[in-house]
């Protein structure tokens, strides 16, 4: 995947070049090591957060992921994260792209390779208002991974809407930022690099394990991990439209049609979401969620109500059972839609490349024809010059002979 000549590539010189080397306590970049390929593997493309900086050794989210995956024979392969790494740098530097493709090719024997993309913190600081560059960079990285027959998971570190939007557009799995990490980010101002605390790393691991569990079909929630809770988490039904379900988990509202929205906390029992450029506020009052636009949701009270990452062991009878069936069907439809979207993206990219090749062939043909005409015209001019020279020589000799005779 070669970076196209777009504004993204043109502006990539803004201090966004990725470091050429780096180390970290939880799997820093170093020499590429050839190893026997496992059946399943997970790699993490990240920065110093993925390297576990700011927390004691072994307490970073990557180590927690390794410990949770080890019993299932899934390897977490280190050496893919770098301190100071940026998404734009990785997407626009040819040597970085080639290194990434080479690393993925080296794991060609892996039946299921998942690439977790945990980048963008430094990009947001450096780019300022030019967030379109970050979106383009993340899209390019996701498509590179998909074209290499690996599975991308976009991991949200900064609590804004960019990662979720890119994941949805590219058909990539999305791992939302934990509420505690979003709170830490807001408390620290959100204007510079930050390092999540131990609680945030634990929740990052739990959220990522939930997504990996869905992708790998494995029960990956660690025994010591806290169960979802809080005033918002759970399954909610629209009071005026009982057939519409909403799943709130870890700061994300997921609808049964596959759409989702990021929660922005304003207090312990209040938050808002951004919809069509407007803020819509909500407040928990008892068993209801009251929205500023007049909508009211009611919580489905049941311990067996599933979350996206943890389906129930058994279902209750009555209305709840029908609700859960609807939810499961919606999840399956969403998964099929996401796979179909990925196929369509690849087909569209292939069609675009074929069109570009055809245009280049046409331009090359026109150039060759122009060069041929230029060569013919040059030969004609040379022939005319030769005729003029010979004519001048003949005229000169005739005049000289007449002069001698006189």
Protein backbone atom coordinates (compact mmCIF):
# COMPACT_ATOMS: atom_id res chain seq x y z
CA UNK A 1 0.00 0.00 0.00
CA UNK A 2 1.69 3.16 -1.21
CA UNK A 3 0.53 6.47 0.22
CA UNK A 4 -1.33 8.40 -2.49
CA UNK A 5 -0.53 12.00 -3.31
CA UNK A 6 -3.30 13.38 -1.13
CA UNK A 7 -3.32 16.27 1.36
CA UNK A 8 -2.51 13.62 3.98
CA UNK A 9 0.76 12.68 2.33
CA UNK A 10 1.53 16.25 1.35
CA UNK A 11 1.22 17.52 4.94
CA UNK A 12 2.82 14.54 6.64
CA UNK A 13 6.02 16.47 7.30
CA UNK A 14 4.43 18.22 10.30
CA UNK A 15 6.66 16.52 12.89
CA UNK A 16 4.76 13.27 12.37
CA UNK A 17 7.57 11.02 11.27
CA UNK A 18 7.57 7.83 13.29
CA UNK A 19 10.67 6.95 15.28
CA UNK A 20 12.97 4.46 13.61
CA UNK A 21 13.51 2.49 16.76
CA UNK A 22 12.24 2.26 20.29
CA UNK A 23 11.90 0.01 23.27
CA UNK A 24 9.30 -0.63 25.89
CA UNK A 25 8.83 -2.85 28.85
CA UNK A 26 5.79 -4.52 27.31
CA UNK A 27 6.98 -5.39 23.83
CA UNK A 28 8.92 -2.51 22.26
CA UNK A 29 10.13 -2.37 18.68
CA UNK A 30 13.43 -3.98 17.90
CA UNK A 31 14.99 -6.43 15.49
CA UNK A 32 12.52 -8.55 13.59
CA UNK A 33 12.71 -12.13 14.81
CA UNK A 34 11.56 -15.09 12.70
CA UNK A 35 9.48 -17.52 14.74
CA UNK A 36 7.18 -20.47 14.29
CA UNK A 37 3.70 -19.21 13.52
CA UNK A 38 0.94 -20.10 16.03
CA UNK A 39 -2.61 -20.91 14.96
CA UNK A 40 -3.85 -17.60 16.39
CA UNK A 41 -1.94 -14.46 17.22
CA UNK A 42 -2.53 -10.88 18.30
CA UNK A 43 -0.20 -7.96 17.64
CA UNK A 44 -0.60 -4.39 18.86
CA UNK A 45 0.42 -1.32 16.86
CA UNK A 46 0.72 1.38 19.48
CA UNK A 47 2.83 3.96 21.25
CA UNK A 48 4.11 4.34 24.82
CA UNK A 49 0.67 3.50 26.22
CA UNK A 50 0.90 0.05 24.63
CA UNK A 51 4.45 -0.20 25.98
CA UNK A 52 3.10 0.11 29.53
CA UNK A 53 4.79 3.36 30.43
CA UNK A 54 3.41 5.04 33.55
CA UNK A 55 2.47 1.82 35.37
CA UNK A 56 4.56 -0.83 37.16
CA UNK A 57 6.08 -3.64 35.13
CA UNK A 58 3.51 -6.23 34.16
CA UNK A 59 0.51 -4.02 34.91
CA UNK A 60 -0.04 -2.65 31.40
CA UNK A 61 -3.02 -3.74 29.33
CA UNK A 62 -0.82 -5.71 26.92
CA UNK A 63 0.48 -7.96 29.70
CA UNK A 64 -3.07 -8.51 30.93
CA UNK A 65 -4.09 -9.50 27.41
CA UNK A 66 -1.18 -11.93 27.19
CA UNK A 67 -2.17 -13.57 30.49
CA UNK A 68 -5.81 -13.91 29.43
CA UNK A 69 -5.00 -15.35 25.98
CA UNK A 70 -2.23 -17.76 27.06
CA UNK A 71 -4.59 -20.54 28.31
CA UNK A 72 -6.20 -20.65 24.87
CA UNK A 73 -2.91 -20.95 22.99
CA UNK A 74 -3.17 -17.46 21.49
CA UNK A 75 0.18 -15.65 21.25
CA UNK A 76 0.57 -11.91 21.77
CA UNK A 77 3.62 -11.07 19.65
CA UNK A 78 5.63 -8.08 20.86
CA UNK A 79 7.84 -5.61 19.05
CA UNK A 80 5.17 -3.79 17.05
CA UNK A 81 4.75 -0.68 19.27
CA UNK A 82 7.08 2.32 19.45
CA UNK A 83 7.36 5.27 21.76
CA UNK A 84 6.07 8.39 20.01
CA UNK A 85 4.51 6.43 17.12
CA UNK A 86 1.86 8.26 15.07
CA UNK A 87 -0.82 6.99 12.72
CA UNK A 88 0.09 9.54 10.04
CA UNK A 89 3.76 8.60 10.23
CA UNK A 90 2.98 4.91 9.87
CA UNK A 91 0.57 5.54 7.00
CA UNK A 92 2.78 7.88 4.95
CA UNK A 93 6.35 6.63 5.45
CA UNK A 94 7.05 3.96 2.81
CA UNK A 95 9.70 2.23 4.92
CA UNK A 96 7.23 1.88 7.81
CA UNK A 97 4.58 0.47 5.48
CA UNK A 98 7.02 -2.05 4.05
CA UNK A 99 8.13 -3.09 7.54
CA UNK A 100 4.52 -3.63 8.59
CA UNK A 101 3.74 -5.68 5.49
CA UNK A 102 6.91 -7.73 5.99
CA UNK A 103 6.00 -8.47 9.62
CA UNK A 104 2.51 -9.60 8.60
CA UNK A 105 3.93 -11.74 5.79
CA UNK A 106 6.30 -13.39 8.29
CA UNK A 107 3.19 -14.57 10.15
CA UNK A 108 1.60 -15.99 7.02
CA UNK A 109 1.15 -19.38 8.69
CA UNK A 110 -1.15 -17.92 11.35
CA UNK A 111 -4.73 -18.97 10.70
CA UNK A 112 -6.17 -15.92 12.47
CA UNK A 113 -3.99 -12.82 12.88
CA UNK A 114 -5.53 -9.85 14.68
CA UNK A 115 -3.82 -6.46 14.48
CA UNK A 116 -4.89 -4.04 17.23
CA UNK A 117 -4.39 -0.42 16.14
CA UNK A 118 -3.92 1.75 19.24
CA UNK A 119 -2.57 4.95 17.68
CA UNK A 120 -3.60 8.58 17.42
CA UNK A 121 -2.75 10.23 20.75
CA UNK A 122 0.26 12.10 19.37
CA UNK A 123 -1.52 12.82 16.08
CA UNK A 124 -4.30 14.70 17.85
CA UNK A 125 -1.78 16.89 19.65
CA UNK A 126 0.34 17.71 16.60
CA UNK A 127 -2.35 18.04 13.96
CA UNK A 128 -4.63 20.40 15.85
CA UNK A 129 -7.71 21.01 13.73
CA UNK A 130 -6.51 18.86 10.81
CA UNK A 131 -8.24 15.72 12.04
CA UNK A 132 -9.04 14.71 8.47
CA UNK A 133 -5.39 13.67 8.18
CA UNK A 134 -5.75 11.35 11.17
CA UNK A 135 -8.91 9.79 9.73
CA UNK A 136 -7.21 9.19 6.38
CA UNK A 137 -4.16 7.68 8.11
CA UNK A 138 -6.25 5.26 10.20
CA UNK A 139 -8.22 4.25 7.09
CA UNK A 140 -4.99 3.54 5.19
CA UNK A 141 -3.60 1.40 8.03
CA UNK A 142 -6.85 -0.55 8.36
CA UNK A 143 -6.99 -1.25 4.62
CA UNK A 144 -3.35 -2.32 4.55
CA UNK A 145 -4.07 -4.82 7.33
CA UNK A 146 -7.23 -6.05 5.60
CA UNK A 147 -5.42 -6.44 2.26
CA UNK A 148 -2.86 -8.63 4.05
CA UNK A 149 -5.70 -10.97 5.19
CA UNK A 150 -5.39 -9.92 8.83
CA UNK A 151 -8.19 -8.66 11.09
CA UNK A 152 -7.90 -5.05 12.28
CA UNK A 153 -9.31 -3.86 15.60
CA UNK A 154 -9.35 -0.11 16.13
CA UNK A 155 -8.69 0.65 19.79
CA UNK A 156 -9.93 3.98 21.09
CA UNK A 157 -7.57 5.76 23.50
CA UNK A 158 -8.77 9.36 23.23
CA UNK A 159 -12.50 9.93 23.95
CA UNK A 160 -13.71 11.52 20.72
CA UNK A 161 -15.68 10.24 17.73
CA UNK A 162 -12.83 9.75 15.24
CA UNK A 163 -11.95 6.10 15.90
CA UNK A 164 -15.56 4.95 16.02
CA UNK A 165 -16.38 6.73 12.78
CA UNK A 166 -13.33 5.31 10.98
CA UNK A 167 -14.03 1.79 12.27
CA UNK A 168 -17.61 1.97 11.05
CA UNK A 169 -16.60 3.36 7.64
CA UNK A 170 -13.94 0.67 7.10
CA UNK A 171 -15.87 -2.27 8.55
CA UNK A 172 -13.27 -2.80 11.29
CA UNK A 173 -13.97 -3.99 14.82
CA UNK A 174 -13.98 -1.17 17.37
CA UNK A 175 -12.81 -1.24 20.99
CA UNK A 176 -14.26 1.74 22.92
CA UNK A 177 -12.37 3.80 25.49
CA UNK A 178 -13.22 2.92 29.12
CA UNK A 179 -15.17 5.49 31.12
CA UNK A 180 -12.39 5.79 33.72
CA UNK A 181 -9.82 6.54 31.00
CA UNK A 182 -12.12 9.16 29.46
CA UNK A 183 -12.46 10.77 32.88
CA UNK A 184 -8.69 10.77 33.42
CA UNK A 185 -8.15 12.31 29.99
CA UNK A 186 -10.65 15.10 30.69
CA UNK A 187 -9.27 15.76 34.17
CA UNK A 188 -5.74 16.14 32.80
CA UNK A 189 -6.89 18.69 30.26
CA UNK A 190 -6.70 16.57 27.11
CA UNK A 191 -4.15 18.92 25.52
CA UNK A 192 -0.96 16.86 25.69
CA UNK A 193 0.37 13.31 25.92
CA UNK A 194 -0.96 11.40 28.89
CA UNK A 195 -0.29 8.00 30.42
CA UNK A 196 -3.28 5.99 31.69
CA UNK A 197 -3.19 4.84 35.30
CA UNK A 198 -3.42 1.22 36.46
CA UNK A 199 -7.21 1.22 36.64
CA UNK A 200 -7.40 2.56 33.09
CA UNK A 201 -5.01 -0.15 31.86
CA UNK A 202 -7.13 -2.80 33.53
CA UNK A 203 -10.28 -1.48 31.86
CA UNK A 204 -8.48 -1.14 28.52
CA UNK A 205 -7.62 -4.83 28.77
CA UNK A 206 -11.19 -5.76 29.70
CA UNK A 207 -12.65 -3.83 26.77
CA UNK A 208 -10.16 -5.31 24.33
CA UNK A 209 -10.78 -8.82 25.66
CA UNK A 210 -14.50 -8.32 25.05
CA UNK A 211 -13.84 -7.50 21.38
CA UNK A 212 -11.30 -10.34 21.02
CA UNK A 213 -13.81 -12.74 22.57
CA UNK A 214 -16.28 -11.87 19.83
CA UNK A 215 -13.70 -12.13 17.03
CA UNK A 216 -12.16 -15.40 18.29
CA UNK A 217 -15.27 -16.96 19.80
CA UNK A 218 -13.54 -17.47 23.14
CA UNK A 219 -14.68 -16.71 26.73
CA UNK A 220 -11.86 -14.29 27.41
CA UNK A 221 -13.17 -12.19 30.31
CA UNK A 222 -10.60 -12.66 33.11
CA UNK A 223 -12.04 -14.03 36.40
CA UNK A 224 -10.73 -11.09 38.40
CA UNK A 225 -12.20 -8.47 36.05
CA UNK A 226 -15.14 -6.52 37.45
CA UNK A 227 -18.51 -7.16 35.88
CA UNK A 228 -20.14 -4.29 34.02
CA UNK A 229 -22.09 -1.96 36.23
CA UNK A 230 -22.73 1.68 36.96
CA UNK A 231 -25.86 3.71 36.49
CA UNK A 232 -25.86 3.46 32.69
CA UNK A 233 -24.67 -0.06 31.74
CA UNK A 234 -27.37 -2.49 30.67
CA UNK A 235 -30.10 -3.13 28.12
CA UNK A 236 -32.63 -0.32 27.66
CA UNK A 237 -35.93 -0.30 25.77
CA UNK A 238 -37.60 2.78 24.28
CA UNK A 239 -40.72 3.48 26.35
CA UNK A 240 -42.73 4.64 23.34
CA UNK A 241 -41.29 1.97 21.00
CA UNK A 242 -40.86 -1.30 22.97
CA UNK A 243 -39.36 -3.08 19.97
CA UNK A 244 -36.28 -0.80 19.97
CA UNK A 245 -33.39 -1.92 22.18
CA UNK A 246 -30.26 -0.06 23.23
CA UNK A 247 -27.16 -1.60 24.84
CA UNK A 248 -25.03 0.68 27.04
CA UNK A 249 -21.64 -0.75 27.97
CA UNK A 250 -18.33 0.90 28.91
CA UNK A 251 -19.33 4.36 27.74
CA UNK A 252 -20.79 3.30 24.38
CA UNK A 253 -24.45 3.15 23.34
CA UNK A 254 -25.01 0.41 20.75
CA UNK A 255 -28.31 0.23 18.92
CA UNK A 256 -29.80 -2.95 17.48
CA UNK A 257 -29.34 -1.53 13.95
CA UNK A 258 -25.54 -1.56 14.43
CA UNK A 259 -25.04 2.17 15.08
CA UNK A 260 -23.37 3.48 18.23
CA UNK A 261 -22.64 6.70 20.09
CA UNK A 262 -19.98 7.81 22.58
CA UNK A 263 -21.11 8.85 26.07
CA UNK A 264 -19.66 12.09 27.48
CA UNK A 265 -20.08 12.23 31.25
CA UNK A 266 -21.19 15.46 32.92
CA UNK A 267 -21.87 13.98 36.38
CA UNK A 268 -22.35 10.62 38.08
CA UNK A 269 -25.88 10.24 36.72
CA UNK A 270 -25.81 12.50 33.65
CA UNK A 271 -24.17 12.44 30.23
CA UNK A 272 -24.66 13.65 26.71
CA UNK A 273 -24.09 12.29 23.21
CA UNK A 274 -23.47 14.15 19.97
CA UNK A 275 -26.12 13.57 17.30
CA UNK A 276 -26.23 15.44 13.98
CA UNK A 277 -23.91 18.09 15.39
CA UNK A 278 -26.10 18.68 18.47
CA UNK A 279 -25.65 17.63 22.10
CA UNK A 280 -28.47 15.47 23.46
CA UNK A 281 -28.39 15.18 27.27
CA UNK A 282 -29.61 12.26 29.38
CA UNK A 283 -30.11 11.64 33.09
CA UNK A 284 -30.80 8.44 35.04
CA UNK A 285 -33.86 8.75 37.28
CA UNK A 286 -34.63 5.52 39.04
CA UNK A 287 -35.23 2.88 36.41
CA UNK A 288 -35.53 5.35 33.54
CA UNK A 289 -33.16 7.29 31.32
CA UNK A 290 -34.67 10.72 30.56
CA UNK A 291 -33.45 12.47 27.40
CA UNK A 292 -33.53 16.20 26.72
CA UNK A 293 -35.33 15.60 23.40
CA UNK A 294 -38.27 14.03 25.22
CA UNK A 295 -37.35 10.37 24.68
CA UNK A 296 -37.51 8.01 27.65
CA UNK A 297 -35.77 4.63 27.98
CA UNK A 298 -36.57 1.97 30.56
CA UNK A 299 -33.96 -0.46 31.86
CA UNK A 300 -34.64 -4.18 31.45
CA UNK A 301 -34.01 -5.49 34.95
CA UNK A 302 -32.54 -8.98 34.71
CA UNK A 303 -29.19 -10.48 35.69
CA UNK A 304 -29.19 -12.60 32.54
CA UNK A 305 -29.47 -9.63 30.16
CA UNK A 306 -26.49 -9.95 27.81
CA UNK A 307 -23.85 -7.44 26.91
CA UNK A 308 -22.12 -7.48 23.55
CA UNK A 309 -19.21 -9.45 24.95
CA UNK A 310 -20.99 -11.74 27.43
CA UNK A 311 -24.19 -13.52 26.24
CA UNK A 312 -26.39 -15.04 28.95
CA UNK A 313 -26.14 -18.66 30.02
CA UNK A 314 -29.94 -18.92 29.84
CA UNK A 315 -32.85 -16.70 28.89
CA UNK A 316 -35.91 -15.73 30.84
CA UNK A 317 -39.43 -16.41 29.65
CA UNK A 318 -41.91 -13.89 28.33
CA UNK A 319 -41.15 -10.54 26.78
CA UNK A 320 -37.50 -10.51 27.79
CA UNK A 321 -36.93 -13.70 25.83
CA UNK A 322 -38.36 -12.13 22.67
CA UNK A 323 -36.32 -8.99 23.25
CA UNK A 324 -33.12 -11.00 23.53
CA UNK A 325 -33.95 -12.92 20.35
CA UNK A 326 -34.37 -9.63 18.52
CA UNK A 327 -31.06 -8.43 19.92
CA UNK A 328 -29.22 -11.59 18.89
CA UNK A 329 -30.66 -11.39 15.39
CA UNK A 330 -29.59 -7.76 15.19
CA UNK A 331 -26.05 -8.69 16.27
CA UNK A 332 -25.84 -11.39 13.60
CA UNK A 333 -27.18 -9.02 10.96
CA UNK A 334 -24.65 -6.40 12.04
CA UNK A 335 -21.79 -8.89 11.75
CA UNK A 336 -22.91 -9.98 8.29
CA UNK A 337 -23.27 -6.35 7.25
CA UNK A 338 -19.79 -5.55 8.53
CA UNK A 339 -18.26 -8.45 6.59
CA UNK A 340 -20.16 -7.44 3.46
CA UNK A 341 -19.01 -3.84 3.92
CA UNK A 342 -15.41 -5.03 4.10
CA UNK A 343 -15.83 -7.02 0.88
CA UNK A 344 -17.40 -4.03 -0.83
CA UNK A 345 -14.55 -1.79 0.36
CA UNK A 346 -11.99 -4.19 -1.10
CA UNK A 347 -13.92 -4.44 -4.39
CA UNK A 348 -14.21 -0.65 -4.59
CA UNK A 349 -10.48 -0.28 -3.92
CA UNK A 350 -9.68 -2.84 -6.62
CA UNK A 351 -12.00 -1.07 -9.07
CA UNK A 352 -10.33 2.25 -8.28
CA UNK A 353 -6.88 0.75 -8.84
CA UNK A 354 -8.01 -0.76 -12.16
CA UNK A 355 -9.35 2.62 -13.25
CA UNK A 356 -6.06 4.27 -12.26
CA UNK A 357 -4.12 1.65 -14.25
CA UNK A 358 -6.35 2.23 -17.29
CA UNK A 359 -5.85 5.99 -17.04
CA UNK A 360 -2.09 5.52 -16.79
CA UNK A 361 -2.11 3.22 -19.82
CA UNK A 362 -4.06 5.79 -21.81
CA UNK A 363 -1.72 8.58 -20.77
CA UNK A 364 1.29 6.42 -21.64
CA UNK A 365 -0.19 5.66 -25.06
CA UNK A 366 -0.87 9.36 -25.73
CA UNK A 367 2.66 10.21 -24.65
CA UNK A 368 4.14 7.59 -26.98
CA UNK A 369 2.04 8.90 -29.87
CA UNK A 370 3.14 12.45 -29.13
CA UNK A 371 6.79 11.38 -29.01
CA UNK A 372 6.34 9.59 -32.35
CA UNK A 373 4.84 12.67 -34.00
CA UNK A 374 7.60 14.83 -32.57
CA UNK A 375 10.22 12.46 -33.99
CA UNK A 376 8.58 12.53 -37.42
CA UNK A 377 8.39 16.33 -37.39
CA UNK A 378 12.03 16.52 -36.33
CA UNK A 379 13.04 14.32 -39.26
CA UNK A 380 10.99 16.49 -41.64
CA UNK A 381 12.68 19.65 -40.37
CA UNK A 382 16.12 18.02 -40.74
CA UNK A 383 15.30 17.01 -44.33
CA UNK A 384 14.15 20.53 -45.17
CA UNK A 385 17.33 21.99 -43.70
CA UNK A 386 19.41 19.60 -45.82
CA UNK A 387 17.55 20.61 -48.97
CA UNK A 388 18.06 24.31 -48.20
CA UNK A 389 21.77 23.76 -47.58
CA UNK A 390 22.23 21.87 -50.84
CA UNK A 391 20.29 24.53 -52.73
CA UNK A 392 22.45 27.27 -51.24
CA UNK A 393 25.62 25.41 -52.19
CA UNK A 394 24.45 25.00 -55.80
CA UNK A 395 23.50 28.67 -56.02
CA UNK A 396 26.90 29.70 -54.65
CA UNK A 397 28.83 27.63 -57.19
CA UNK A 398 26.83 29.06 -60.14
CA UNK A 399 27.56 32.65 -59.19
CA UNK A 400 31.26 31.94 -58.72
CA UNK A 401 31.55 30.39 -62.22
CA UNK A 402 29.89 33.38 -63.88
CA UNK A 403 32.27 35.79 -62.12
CA UNK A 404 35.36 33.91 -63.37
CA UNK A 405 34.10 33.94 -66.98
CA UNK A 406 33.57 37.71 -66.81
